[in-house]
Protein backbone atom coordinates (compact mmCIF):
# COMPACT_ATOMS: atom_id res chain seq x y z
CA UNK A 1 1.28 227.67 -45.33
CA UNK A 2 -0.33 230.76 -43.88
CA UNK A 3 -2.63 228.69 -41.69
CA UNK A 4 0.29 227.48 -39.59
CA UNK A 5 0.69 230.94 -38.05
CA UNK A 6 3.50 230.91 -35.54
CA UNK A 7 4.02 227.17 -35.67
CA UNK A 8 7.56 227.07 -37.05
CA UNK A 9 7.90 223.25 -36.78
CA UNK A 10 4.91 222.96 -39.12
CA UNK A 11 6.52 225.43 -41.47
CA UNK A 12 9.63 223.28 -41.45
CA UNK A 13 7.47 220.30 -42.40
CA UNK A 14 5.79 222.42 -45.06
CA UNK A 15 9.25 222.90 -46.49
CA UNK A 16 10.02 219.20 -46.38
CA UNK A 17 6.83 218.18 -48.16
CA UNK A 18 7.44 220.13 -51.37
CA UNK A 19 11.17 219.52 -51.01
CA UNK A 20 10.54 215.79 -51.12
CA UNK A 21 8.08 216.25 -53.96
CA UNK A 22 10.54 218.15 -56.09
CA UNK A 23 9.12 221.62 -55.58
CA UNK A 24 12.32 223.07 -54.27
CA UNK A 25 11.45 226.76 -54.61
CA UNK A 26 8.28 226.23 -52.56
CA UNK A 27 10.37 224.49 -49.93
CA UNK A 28 12.76 227.43 -49.81
CA UNK A 29 9.79 229.77 -49.30
CA UNK A 30 8.53 227.62 -46.42
CA UNK A 31 11.96 227.71 -44.79
CA UNK A 32 12.05 231.49 -45.27
CA UNK A 33 8.74 231.74 -43.42
CA UNK A 34 9.94 229.47 -40.62
CA UNK A 35 13.07 231.60 -40.21
CA UNK A 36 11.05 234.81 -40.05
CA UNK A 37 9.17 233.29 -37.12
CA UNK A 38 12.20 231.72 -35.46
CA UNK A 39 15.48 233.18 -36.72
CA UNK A 40 17.57 230.84 -34.57
CA UNK A 41 16.17 227.66 -36.16
CA UNK A 42 19.32 225.79 -37.25
CA UNK A 43 17.45 222.98 -38.99
CA UNK A 44 15.57 225.44 -41.21
CA UNK A 45 18.85 227.07 -42.28
CA UNK A 46 20.30 223.64 -43.00
CA UNK A 47 17.25 222.52 -45.00
CA UNK A 48 17.12 225.78 -46.95
CA UNK A 49 20.80 225.46 -47.79
CA UNK A 50 20.29 221.88 -48.91
CA UNK A 51 17.35 222.92 -51.08
CA UNK A 52 19.45 225.65 -52.69
CA UNK A 53 22.14 223.13 -53.60
CA UNK A 54 19.55 221.01 -55.39
CA UNK A 55 18.83 223.86 -57.78
CA UNK A 56 22.49 224.73 -58.23
CA UNK A 57 22.53 227.80 -55.97
CA UNK A 58 25.74 226.74 -54.26
CA UNK A 59 27.02 230.18 -53.33
CA UNK A 60 23.65 231.09 -51.81
CA UNK A 61 23.61 227.84 -49.81
CA UNK A 62 26.89 228.45 -47.98
CA UNK A 63 25.59 231.23 -45.67
CA UNK A 64 22.70 228.96 -44.67
CA UNK A 65 25.06 226.16 -43.71
CA UNK A 66 27.29 228.68 -41.93
CA UNK A 67 24.35 229.95 -39.88
CA UNK A 68 23.15 226.44 -39.05
CA UNK A 69 26.64 225.65 -37.76
CA UNK A 70 26.90 228.91 -35.85
CA UNK A 71 23.64 228.09 -34.10
CA UNK A 72 24.47 224.41 -33.58
CA UNK A 73 28.25 223.83 -33.85
CA UNK A 74 27.95 220.03 -33.68
CA UNK A 75 25.42 219.83 -36.55
CA UNK A 76 27.34 217.17 -38.45
CA UNK A 77 25.11 217.18 -41.52
CA UNK A 78 25.58 220.93 -41.93
CA UNK A 79 29.36 220.54 -41.81
CA UNK A 80 29.19 217.75 -44.36
CA UNK A 81 26.88 219.65 -46.73
CA UNK A 82 29.00 222.77 -46.42
CA UNK A 83 31.90 220.61 -47.58
CA UNK A 84 30.02 219.13 -50.53
CA UNK A 85 28.86 222.60 -51.54
CA UNK A 86 32.38 224.00 -51.47
CA UNK A 87 33.59 220.98 -53.40
CA UNK A 88 30.93 221.71 -56.04
CA UNK A 89 32.40 225.22 -56.27
CA UNK A 90 35.91 223.74 -56.70
CA UNK A 91 36.99 225.21 -53.37
CA UNK A 92 38.80 222.00 -52.51
CA UNK A 93 40.93 223.16 -49.59
CA UNK A 94 37.92 224.66 -47.83
CA UNK A 95 35.90 221.53 -48.60
CA UNK A 96 38.64 219.36 -47.10
CA UNK A 97 38.50 221.30 -43.84
CA UNK A 98 34.72 220.86 -43.61
CA UNK A 99 34.90 217.15 -44.36
CA UNK A 100 37.54 216.74 -41.66
CA UNK A 101 35.26 218.49 -39.17
CA UNK A 102 32.29 216.38 -40.28
CA UNK A 103 34.37 213.21 -39.93
CA UNK A 104 35.47 214.15 -36.41
CA UNK A 105 31.89 214.95 -35.36
CA UNK A 106 30.57 211.80 -37.02
CA UNK A 107 33.02 209.70 -35.03
CA UNK A 108 32.00 211.44 -31.79
CA UNK A 109 28.29 211.05 -32.56
CA UNK A 110 28.47 207.50 -33.88
CA UNK A 111 27.23 208.57 -37.31
CA UNK A 112 28.64 205.88 -39.56
CA UNK A 113 26.81 207.26 -42.62
CA UNK A 114 28.47 210.67 -42.37
CA UNK A 115 31.78 209.07 -41.41
CA UNK A 116 31.82 206.96 -44.58
CA UNK A 117 30.64 209.82 -46.81
CA UNK A 118 33.15 212.29 -45.35
CA UNK A 119 35.99 209.82 -45.82
CA UNK A 120 34.97 209.29 -49.46
CA UNK A 121 34.77 213.03 -50.07
CA UNK A 122 38.15 213.63 -48.47
CA UNK A 123 39.55 211.45 -51.23
CA UNK A 124 38.13 213.89 -53.80
CA UNK A 125 39.75 216.99 -52.32
């Protein structure tokens, strides 16, 4: 990963490769490196948060989703994953709010996948 230098998109891809291969901690390290180079990289925060949820670090994932949303308020996947993470923590009312936001954004963006998933999750809150 060092050879990518200041190329934060490559570091993001470095995170996705081990992430897809099941090496979640290595992916988190790659996202950490990308964020050191470009601290306003919403996708890296989102991916790092998602990786953390895969290893059960739900509380640690929430600030990553929060930052991704702060940087890119219409990041529908980040809203949805923030909802699923809060649902995993049994914070149902908060989860409901995030699913409602994700549903609204999904409708605006024509994202049928997120629309269907958000609707299903709203039924669980």
